[in-house]
PDB file of N, CA and C in Angstrom:
ATOM      1  N   MET A   1      75.029  43.822   7.199  1.00  0.00           N
ATOM      2  CA  MET A   1      74.080  44.929   7.578  1.00  0.00           C
ATOM      3  C   MET A   1      74.707  46.177   7.587  1.00  0.00           C
ATOM      4  N   SER A   2      75.825  46.368   8.061  1.00  0.00           N
ATOM      5  CA  SER A   2      76.413  47.664   8.434  1.00  0.00           C
ATOM      6  C   SER A   2      76.991  48.095   6.952  1.00  0.00           C
ATOM      7  N   PHE A   3      77.548  47.241   6.025  1.00  0.00           N
ATOM      8  CA  PHE A   3      77.612  47.684   4.828  1.00  0.00           C
ATOM      9  C   PHE A   3      76.347  48.095   3.946  1.00  0.00           C
ATOM     10  N   ILE A   4      75.342  47.502   4.071  1.00  0.00           N
ATOM     11  CA  ILE A   4      74.131  48.046   3.376  1.00  0.00           C
ATOM     12  C   ILE A   4      73.794  49.211   3.910  1.00  0.00           C
ATOM     13  N   VAL A   5      73.883  49.687   5.083  1.00  0.00           N
ATOM     14  CA  VAL A   5      73.661  51.080   5.645  1.00  0.00           C
ATOM     15  C   VAL A   5      74.685  51.918   5.230  1.00  0.00           C
ATOM     16  N   LEU A   6      75.964  51.459   5.062  1.00  0.00           N
ATOM     17  CA  LEU A   6      77.058  52.364   4.508  1.00  0.00           C
ATOM     18  C   LEU A   6      76.748  52.652   3.183  1.00  0.00           C
ATOM     19  N   ASN A   7      76.414  51.957   2.359  1.00  0.00           N
ATOM     20  CA  ASN A   7      76.214  52.051   0.839  1.00  0.00           C
ATOM     21  C   ASN A   7      74.875  53.229   0.763  1.00  0.00           C
ATOM     22  N   LEU A   8      73.822  53.016   1.494  1.00  0.00           N
ATOM     23  CA  LEU A   8      72.890  53.826   1.382  1.00  0.00           C
ATOM     24  C   LEU A   8      73.286  55.271   1.969  1.00  0.00           C
ATOM     25  N   THR A   9      74.206  55.337   2.866  1.00  0.00           N
ATOM     26  CA  THR A   9      74.751  56.646   3.606  1.00  0.00           C
ATOM     27  C   THR A   9      75.460  57.220   2.442  1.00  0.00           C
ATOM     28  N   VAL A  10      76.390  56.700   1.700  1.00  0.00           N
ATOM     29  CA  VAL A  10      77.177  57.226   0.590  1.00  0.00           C
ATOM     30  C   VAL A  10      76.117  57.814  -0.287  1.00  0.00           C
ATOM     31  N   ILE A  11      75.206  57.155  -0.826  1.00  0.00           N
ATOM     32  CA  ILE A  11      74.234  57.628  -1.760  1.00  0.00           C
ATOM     33  C   ILE A  11      73.588  58.922  -1.236  1.00  0.00           C
ATOM     34  N   TRP A  12      73.149  58.850  -0.041  1.00  0.00           N
ATOM     35  CA  TRP A  12      72.290  60.066   0.674  1.00  0.00           C
ATOM     36  C   TRP A  12      73.145  61.220   0.775  1.00  0.00           C
ATOM     37  N   HIS A  13      74.607  60.992   1.349  1.00  0.00           N
ATOM     38  CA  HIS A  13      75.446  62.129   1.661  1.00  0.00           C
ATOM     39  C   HIS A  13      76.090  62.737   0.518  1.00  0.00           C
ATOM     40  N   PHE A  14      76.787  61.930  -0.450  1.00  0.00           N
ATOM     41  CA  PHE A  14      77.486  62.367  -1.602  1.00  0.00           C
ATOM     42  C   PHE A  14      76.820  62.333  -2.811  1.00  0.00           C
ATOM     43  N   TYR A  15      75.594  62.079  -2.926  1.00  0.00           N
ATOM     44  CA  TYR A  15      74.895  62.181  -4.257  1.00  0.00           C
ATOM     45  C   TYR A  15      73.668  62.968  -4.055  1.00  0.00           C
ATOM     46  N   ILE A  16      72.659  62.392  -3.093  1.00  0.00           N
ATOM     47  CA  ILE A  16      71.555  63.104  -3.065  1.00  0.00           C
ATOM     48  C   ILE A  16      71.457  64.498  -2.519  1.00  0.00           C
ATOM     49  N   LEU A  17      72.354  64.581  -1.456  1.00  0.00           N
ATOM     50  CA  LEU A  17      72.496  65.994  -0.681  1.00  0.00           C
ATOM     51  C   LEU A  17      73.392  67.061  -1.333  1.00  0.00           C
ATOM     52  N   ASP A  18      74.297  66.410  -2.264  1.00  0.00           N
ATOM     53  CA  ASP A  18      75.055  67.198  -3.150  1.00  0.00           C
ATOM     54  C   ASP A  18      74.299  68.177  -4.398  1.00  0.00           C
ATOM     55  N   LYS A  19      74.648  69.212  -4.322  1.00  0.00           N
ATOM     56  CA  LYS A  19      73.619  70.182  -5.366  1.00  0.00           C
ATOM     57  C   LYS A  19      74.443  69.951  -6.785  1.00  0.00           C
ATOM     58  N   LYS A  20      75.620  69.709  -6.802  1.00  0.00           N
ATOM     59  CA  LYS A  20      76.298  69.707  -8.208  1.00  0.00           C
ATOM     60  C   LYS A  20      76.244  68.112  -8.599  1.00  0.00           C
ATOM     61  N   LYS A  21      75.330  67.971  -9.568  1.00  0.00           N
ATOM     62  CA  LYS A  21      75.448  66.528 -10.132  1.00  0.00           C
ATOM     63  C   LYS A  21      76.109  66.586 -11.158  1.00  0.00           C
ATOM     64  N   SER A  22      76.741  65.342 -11.638  1.00  0.00           N
ATOM     65  CA  SER A  22      77.382  65.117 -12.859  1.00  0.00           C
ATOM     66  C   SER A  22      77.575  63.537 -12.912  1.00  0.00           C
ATOM     67  N   LEU A  23      77.964  63.109 -14.377  1.00  0.00           N
ATOM     68  CA  LEU A  23      78.058  61.719 -14.462  1.00  0.00           C
ATOM     69  C   LEU A  23      78.929  60.959 -13.841  1.00  0.00           C
ATOM     70  N   LYS A  24      80.047  61.782 -13.489  1.00  0.00           N
ATOM     71  CA  LYS A  24      81.076  61.078 -12.522  1.00  0.00           C
ATOM     72  C   LYS A  24      80.620  60.866 -11.327  1.00  0.00           C
ATOM     73  N   LYS A  25      79.866  61.774 -10.738  1.00  0.00           N
ATOM     74  CA  LYS A  25      79.187  61.714  -9.591  1.00  0.00           C
ATOM     75  C   LYS A  25      78.324  60.737  -9.271  1.00  0.00           C
ATOM     76  N   PHE A  26      77.386  60.660 -10.413  1.00  0.00           N
ATOM     77  CA  PHE A  26      76.229  59.628 -10.311  1.00  0.00           C
ATOM     78  C   PHE A  26      77.062  57.982 -10.381  1.00  0.00           C
ATOM     79  N   THR A  27      78.092  58.080 -11.215  1.00  0.00           N
ATOM     80  CA  THR A  27      78.775  56.659 -11.335  1.00  0.00           C
ATOM     81  C   THR A  27      79.232  56.350  -9.868  1.00  0.00           C
ATOM     82  N   GLN A  28      80.088  57.260  -9.311  1.00  0.00           N
ATOM     83  CA  GLN A  28      80.722  57.062  -8.076  1.00  0.00           C
ATOM     84  C   GLN A  28      79.925  57.166  -6.877  1.00  0.00           C
ATOM     85  N   PHE A  29      78.969  57.868  -6.812  1.00  0.00           N
ATOM     86  CA  PHE A  29      78.224  58.123  -5.561  1.00  0.00           C
ATOM     87  C   PHE A  29      76.880  57.398  -5.633  1.00  0.00           C
ATOM     88  N   PHE A  30      76.381  56.894  -6.682  1.00  0.00           N
ATOM     89  CA  PHE A  30      75.057  56.503  -6.831  1.00  0.00           C
ATOM     90  C   PHE A  30      75.216  54.877  -7.263  1.00  0.00           C
ATOM     91  N   MET A  31      75.636  54.917  -8.550  1.00  0.00           N
ATOM     92  CA  MET A  31      75.613  53.680  -9.073  1.00  0.00           C
ATOM     93  C   MET A  31      76.447  52.525  -8.270  1.00  0.00           C
ATOM     94  N   PHE A  32      77.684  52.771  -8.135  1.00  0.00           N
ATOM     95  CA  PHE A  32      78.551  51.751  -7.340  1.00  0.00           C
ATOM     96  C   PHE A  32      77.878  51.567  -6.009  1.00  0.00           C
ATOM     97  N   PRO A  33      77.623  52.476  -5.290  1.00  0.00           N
ATOM     98  CA  PRO A  33      76.877  52.134  -3.903  1.00  0.00           C
ATOM     99  C   PRO A  33      75.616  51.357  -3.999  1.00  0.00           C
ATOM    100  N   LEU A  34      74.849  51.720  -5.184  1.00  0.00           N
ATOM    101  CA  LEU A  34      73.698  50.938  -5.435  1.00  0.00           C
ATOM    102  C   LEU A  34      73.986  49.580  -5.578  1.00  0.00           C
ATOM    103  N   ILE A  35      74.894  49.289  -6.350  1.00  0.00           N
ATOM    104  CA  ILE A  35      75.400  48.024  -6.548  1.00  0.00           C
ATOM    105  C   ILE A  35      75.750  47.075  -5.584  1.00  0.00           C
ATOM    106  N   GLY A  36      76.704  47.809  -4.661  1.00  0.00           N
ATOM    107  CA  GLY A  36      77.050  47.410  -3.437  1.00  0.00           C
ATOM    108  C   GLY A  36      75.840  46.943  -2.289  1.00  0.00           C
ATOM    109  N   PHE A  37      75.049  47.860  -2.319  1.00  0.00           N
ATOM    110  CA  PHE A  37      73.691  47.683  -1.582  1.00  0.00           C
ATOM    111  C   PHE A  37      73.022  46.522  -1.842  1.00  0.00           C
ATOM    112  N   LEU A  38      72.753  46.222  -3.305  1.00  0.00           N
ATOM    113  CA  LEU A  38      72.095  45.170  -3.847  1.00  0.00           C
ATOM    114  C   LEU A  38      72.724  43.997  -3.499  1.00  0.00           C
ATOM    115  N   VAL A  39      74.177  43.942  -3.756  1.00  0.00           N
ATOM    116  CA  VAL A  39      74.924  42.809  -3.628  1.00  0.00           C
ATOM    117  C   VAL A  39      74.892  42.300  -2.029  1.00  0.00           C
ATOM    118  N   CYS A  40      75.163  43.301  -1.103  1.00  0.00           N
ATOM    119  CA  CYS A  40      75.189  42.964   0.166  1.00  0.00           C
ATOM    120  C   CYS A  40      73.848  42.565   0.848  1.00  0.00           C
ATOM    121  N   SER A  41      72.846  43.202   0.255  1.00  0.00           N
ATOM    122  CA  SER A  41      71.430  42.874   0.755  1.00  0.00           C
ATOM    123  C   SER A  41      71.176  41.420   0.126  1.00  0.00           C
ATOM    124  N   LEU A  42      71.490  40.877  -1.039  1.00  0.00           N
ATOM    125  CA  LEU A  42      71.192  39.580  -1.608  1.00  0.00           C
ATOM    126  C   LEU A  42      72.144  38.567  -0.585  1.00  0.00           C
ATOM    127  N   ILE A  43      73.281  38.966  -0.255  1.00  0.00           N
ATOM    128  CA  ILE A  43      74.098  37.975   0.648  1.00  0.00           C
ATOM    129  C   ILE A  43      73.301  37.928   2.081  1.00  0.00           C
ATOM    130  N   PHE A  44      72.880  39.169   2.664  1.00  0.00           N
ATOM    131  CA  PHE A  44      72.181  39.329   3.839  1.00  0.00           C
ATOM    132  C   PHE A  44      70.926  38.305   3.906  1.00  0.00           C
ATOM    133  N   ILE A  45      70.114  38.498   2.781  1.00  0.00           N
ATOM    134  CA  ILE A  45      68.854  37.836   2.770  1.00  0.00           C
ATOM    135  C   ILE A  45      69.230  36.097   2.719  1.00  0.00           C
ATOM    136  N   LYS A  46      70.229  35.665   1.874  1.00  0.00           N
ATOM    137  CA  LYS A  46      70.608  34.336   1.860  1.00  0.00           C
ATOM    138  C   LYS A  46      71.229  33.690   3.100  1.00  0.00           C
ATOM    139  N   LEU A  47      71.531  34.643   4.254  1.00  0.00           N
ATOM    140  CA  LEU A  47      72.003  33.974   5.603  1.00  0.00           C
ATOM    141  C   LEU A  47      70.982  33.342   6.167  1.00  0.00           C
ATOM    142  N   SER A  48      71.337  32.281   6.941  1.00  0.00           N
ATOM    143  CA  SER A  48      70.589  31.431   7.641  1.00  0.00           C
ATOM    144  C   SER A  48      70.086  32.095   8.930  1.00  0.00           C
ATOM    145  N   PHE A  49      69.015  31.623   9.443  1.00  0.00           N
ATOM    146  CA  PHE A  49      68.360  32.082  10.627  1.00  0.00           C
ATOM    147  C   PHE A  49      69.488  32.169  11.783  1.00  0.00           C
ATOM    148  N   ASP A  50      70.279  31.215  11.832  1.00  0.00           N
ATOM    149  CA  ASP A  50      71.056  31.234  13.070  1.00  0.00           C
ATOM    150  C   ASP A  50      72.235  32.512  12.766  1.00  0.00           C
ATOM    151  N   ALA A  51      72.493  32.565  11.563  1.00  0.00           N
ATOM    152  CA  ALA A  51      73.559  33.756  11.315  1.00  0.00           C
ATOM    153  C   ALA A  51      72.828  35.048  11.536  1.00  0.00           C
ATOM    154  N   HIS A  52      71.639  35.321  11.318  1.00  0.00           N
ATOM    155  CA  HIS A  52      70.922  36.512  11.651  1.00  0.00           C
ATOM    156  C   HIS A  52      70.946  36.660  13.111  1.00  0.00           C
ATOM    157  N   LEU A  53      70.595  35.448  13.926  1.00  0.00           N
ATOM    158  CA  LEU A  53      70.418  35.515  15.120  1.00  0.00           C
ATOM    159  C   LEU A  53      71.761  35.833  15.855  1.00  0.00           C
ATOM    160  N   VAL A  54      72.843  35.305  15.517  1.00  0.00           N
ATOM    161  CA  VAL A  54      74.020  35.524  16.035  1.00  0.00           C
ATOM    162  C   VAL A  54      74.596  36.949  15.740  1.00  0.00           C
ATOM    163  N   GLY A  55      74.289  37.454  14.566  1.00  0.00           N
ATOM    164  CA  GLY A  55      74.637  38.901  14.259  1.00  0.00           C
ATOM    165  C   GLY A  55      73.681  39.818  14.985  1.00  0.00           C
ATOM    166  N   GLY A  56      72.687  39.595  15.208  1.00  0.00           N
ATOM    167  CA  GLY A  56      71.829  40.395  16.074  1.00  0.00           C
ATOM    168  C   GLY A  56      72.134  40.508  17.645  1.00  0.00           C
ATOM    169  N   ILE A  57      72.524  39.307  17.901  1.00  0.00           N
ATOM    170  CA  ILE A  57      73.236  39.316  19.283  1.00  0.00           C
ATOM    171  C   ILE A  57      74.463  40.185  19.428  1.00  0.00           C
ATOM    172  N   TRP A  58      75.310  39.979  18.401  1.00  0.00           N
ATOM    173  CA  TRP A  58      76.494  40.626  18.492  1.00  0.00           C
ATOM    174  C   TRP A  58      76.467  42.222  18.412  1.00  0.00           C
ATOM    175  N   ILE A  59      75.444  42.635  17.450  1.00  0.00           N
ATOM    176  CA  ILE A  59      75.184  44.107  17.389  1.00  0.00           C
ATOM    177  C   ILE A  59      74.579  44.661  18.853  1.00  0.00           C
ATOM    178  N   GLY A  60      73.740  43.828  19.397  1.00  0.00           N
ATOM    179  CA  GLY A  60      73.214  44.211  20.725  1.00  0.00           C
ATOM    180  C   GLY A  60      74.358  44.261  21.734  1.00  0.00           C
ATOM    181  N   VAL A  61      75.082  43.220  21.835  1.00  0.00           N
ATOM    182  CA  VAL A  61      76.398  43.421  22.610  1.00  0.00           C
ATOM    183  C   VAL A  61      77.182  44.606  22.454  1.00  0.00           C
ATOM    184  N   GLY A  62      77.341  45.122  21.080  1.00  0.00           N
ATOM    185  CA  GLY A  62      78.108  46.235  20.741  1.00  0.00           C
ATOM    186  C   GLY A  62      77.368  47.525  21.181  1.00  0.00           C
ATOM    187  N   VAL A  63      76.000  47.459  21.041  1.00  0.00           N
ATOM    188  CA  VAL A  63      75.178  48.790  21.368  1.00  0.00           C
ATOM    189  C   VAL A  63      75.164  48.815  23.062  1.00  0.00           C
ATOM    190  N   ILE A  64      75.058  47.787  23.580  1.00  0.00           N
ATOM    191  CA  ILE A  64      75.314  47.732  25.172  1.00  0.00           C
ATOM    192  C   ILE A  64      76.627  48.377  25.454  1.00  0.00           C
ATOM    193  N   TYR A  65      77.619  47.929  24.770  1.00  0.00           N
ATOM    194  CA  TYR A  65      79.076  48.261  25.374  1.00  0.00           C
ATOM    195  C   TYR A  65      79.184  49.695  24.999  1.00  0.00           C
ATOM    196  N   LEU A  66      78.673  50.182  23.842  1.00  0.00           N
ATOM    197  CA  LEU A  66      78.956  51.616  23.394  1.00  0.00           C
ATOM    198  C   LEU A  66      78.144  52.490  24.635  1.00  0.00           C
ATOM    199  N   GLY A  67      76.877  51.891  24.863  1.00  0.00           N
ATOM    200  CA  GLY A  67      76.067  52.691  26.024  1.00  0.00           C
ATOM    201  C   GLY A  67      76.919  52.793  27.244  1.00  0.00           C
ATOM    202  N   ILE A  68      77.633  51.752  27.541  1.00  0.00           N
ATOM    203  CA  ILE A  68      78.343  51.886  28.905  1.00  0.00           C
ATOM    204  C   ILE A  68      79.658  52.736  28.669  1.00  0.00           C
ATOM    205  N   LYS A  69      80.412  52.811  27.496  1.00  0.00           N
ATOM    206  CA  LYS A  69      81.364  53.512  27.301  1.00  0.00           C
ATOM    207  C   LYS A  69      81.017  55.063  27.228  1.00  0.00           C
ATOM    208  N   THR A  70      79.929  55.470  26.735  1.00  0.00           N
ATOM    209  CA  THR A  70      79.330  56.698  26.454  1.00  0.00           C
ATOM    210  C   THR A  70      78.574  57.167  27.845  1.00  0.00           C
ATOM    211  N   LYS A  71      78.467  56.272  28.846  1.00  0.00           N
ATOM    212  CA  LYS A  71      77.748  56.793  29.952  1.00  0.00           C
ATOM    213  C   LYS A  71      76.323  57.034  29.544  1.00  0.00           C
ATOM    214  N   GLY A  72      75.544  56.034  28.880  1.00  0.00           N
ATOM    215  CA  GLY A  72      74.016  56.326  28.511  1.00  0.00           C
ATOM    216  C   GLY A  72      74.045  57.191  27.214  1.00  0.00           C
ATOM    217  N   PHE A  73      75.056  57.028  26.499  1.00  0.00           N
ATOM    218  CA  PHE A  73      74.896  57.863  25.162  1.00  0.00           C
ATOM    219  C   PHE A  73      74.959  59.335  25.483  1.00  0.00           C
ATOM    220  N   SER A  74      75.737  59.816  26.796  1.00  0.00           N
ATOM    221  CA  SER A  74      75.610  61.213  27.007  1.00  0.00           C
ATOM    222  C   SER A  74      76.909  61.814  26.590  1.00  0.00           C
ATOM    223  N   LYS A  75      77.964  60.822  26.457  1.00  0.00           N
ATOM    224  CA  LYS A  75      79.032  61.333  25.876  1.00  0.00           C
ATOM    225  C   LYS A  75      79.472  60.779  24.350  1.00  0.00           C
ATOM    226  N   ASN A  76      80.587  61.578  23.794  1.00  0.00           N
ATOM    227  CA  ASN A  76      81.101  60.954  22.534  1.00  0.00           C
ATOM    228  C   ASN A  76      81.677  59.646  22.609  1.00  0.00           C
ATOM    229  N   ALA A  77      81.390  58.862  21.459  1.00  0.00           N
ATOM    230  CA  ALA A  77      81.976  57.524  21.433  1.00  0.00           C
ATOM    231  C   ALA A  77      83.412  57.704  21.468  1.00  0.00           C
ATOM    232  N   PRO A  78      84.059  56.672  21.964  1.00  0.00           N
ATOM    233  CA  PRO A  78      85.663  56.781  22.088  1.00  0.00           C
ATOM    234  C   PRO A  78      86.191  56.603  20.585  1.00  0.00           C
ATOM    235  N   VAL A  79      87.340  57.189  20.231  1.00  0.00           N
ATOM    236  CA  VAL A  79      87.922  57.191  18.968  1.00  0.00           C
ATOM    237  C   VAL A  79      89.342  56.908  19.111  1.00  0.00           C
ATOM    238  N   LEU A  80      89.768  55.856  18.490  1.00  0.00           N
ATOM    239  CA  LEU A  80      91.262  55.555  18.240  1.00  0.00           C
ATOM    240  C   LEU A  80      92.111  56.570  17.539  1.00  0.00           C
ATOM    241  N   ASN A  81      93.238  56.746  18.117  1.00  0.00           N
ATOM    242  CA  ASN A  81      94.000  57.803  17.247  1.00  0.00           C
ATOM    243  C   ASN A  81      95.147  56.735  16.636  1.00  0.00           C
ATOM    244  N   GLU A  82      95.887  57.100  15.545  1.00  0.00           N
ATOM    245  CA  GLU A  82      96.882  56.651  14.846  1.00  0.00           C
ATOM    246  C   GLU A  82      97.693  55.758  15.737  1.00  0.00           C
ATOM    247  N   LYS A  83      98.151  56.506  16.891  1.00  0.00           N
ATOM    248  CA  LYS A  83      99.349  55.934  17.675  1.00  0.00           C
ATOM    249  C   LYS A  83      98.752  54.712  18.257  1.00  0.00           C
ATOM    250  N   GLU A  84      97.450  54.662  18.712  1.00  0.00           N
ATOM    251  CA  GLU A  84      96.863  53.591  19.423  1.00  0.00           C
ATOM    252  C   GLU A  84      96.748  52.387  18.435  1.00  0.00           C
ATOM    253  N   ILE A  85      96.396  52.837  17.293  1.00  0.00           N
ATOM    254  CA  ILE A  85      96.127  51.765  16.029  1.00  0.00           C
ATOM    255  C   ILE A  85      97.643  50.908  15.859  1.00  0.00           C
ATOM    256  N   VAL A  86      98.568  51.654  15.783  1.00  0.00           N
ATOM    257  CA  VAL A  86      99.903  51.207  15.503  1.00  0.00           C
ATOM    258  C   VAL A  86     100.422  50.177  16.842  1.00  0.00           C
ATOM    259  N   ASP A  87     100.078  50.734  17.925  1.00  0.00           N
ATOM    260  CA  ASP A  87     100.400  49.946  19.179  1.00  0.00           C
ATOM    261  C   ASP A  87      99.557  48.786  18.991  1.00  0.00           C
ATOM    262  N   ILE A  88      98.432  48.846  18.687  1.00  0.00           N
ATOM    263  CA  ILE A  88      97.643  47.348  18.609  1.00  0.00           C
ATOM    264  C   ILE A  88      97.961  46.484  17.461  1.00  0.00           C
ATOM    265  N   VAL A  89      98.400  47.040  16.330  1.00  0.00           N
ATOM    266  CA  VAL A  89      98.855  46.176  15.237  1.00  0.00           C
ATOM    267  C   VAL A  89     100.164  45.603  15.582  1.00  0.00           C
ATOM    268  N   ASN A  90     101.041  46.398  16.302  1.00  0.00           N
ATOM    269  CA  ASN A  90     102.505  45.819  16.651  1.00  0.00           C
ATOM    270  C   ASN A  90     102.409  45.100  17.869  1.00  0.00           C
TER     271      ASN A  90
END
C-alpha cells in the first residue's frame, strides 16, 4: 500500500507540480511511477483477505505507536540519524 502512495506522490510532486516539463521528466517522474503504481496495485488487489487484514492491523499499530511517540501528533516524528542506523546495523 505504501508503495502505491509513494508512486502517486512522485507523480504529483516531481511531475504535476513541476512547471518545466520535458520528455525526460515525463519518463522519469510520470511513466515509471505510473507503471510502479499499476504493478503495486495489481499485487495489492490479488492479496488475500487475511493479508489485507494483517496489513491493516500492522498499519493501525504503526499509527498508534506514532501517535504515542509524537504525543498525540503534536510533535514531529522521530528521525534516525546516520550514526543510529550504523549502530543498528552493526
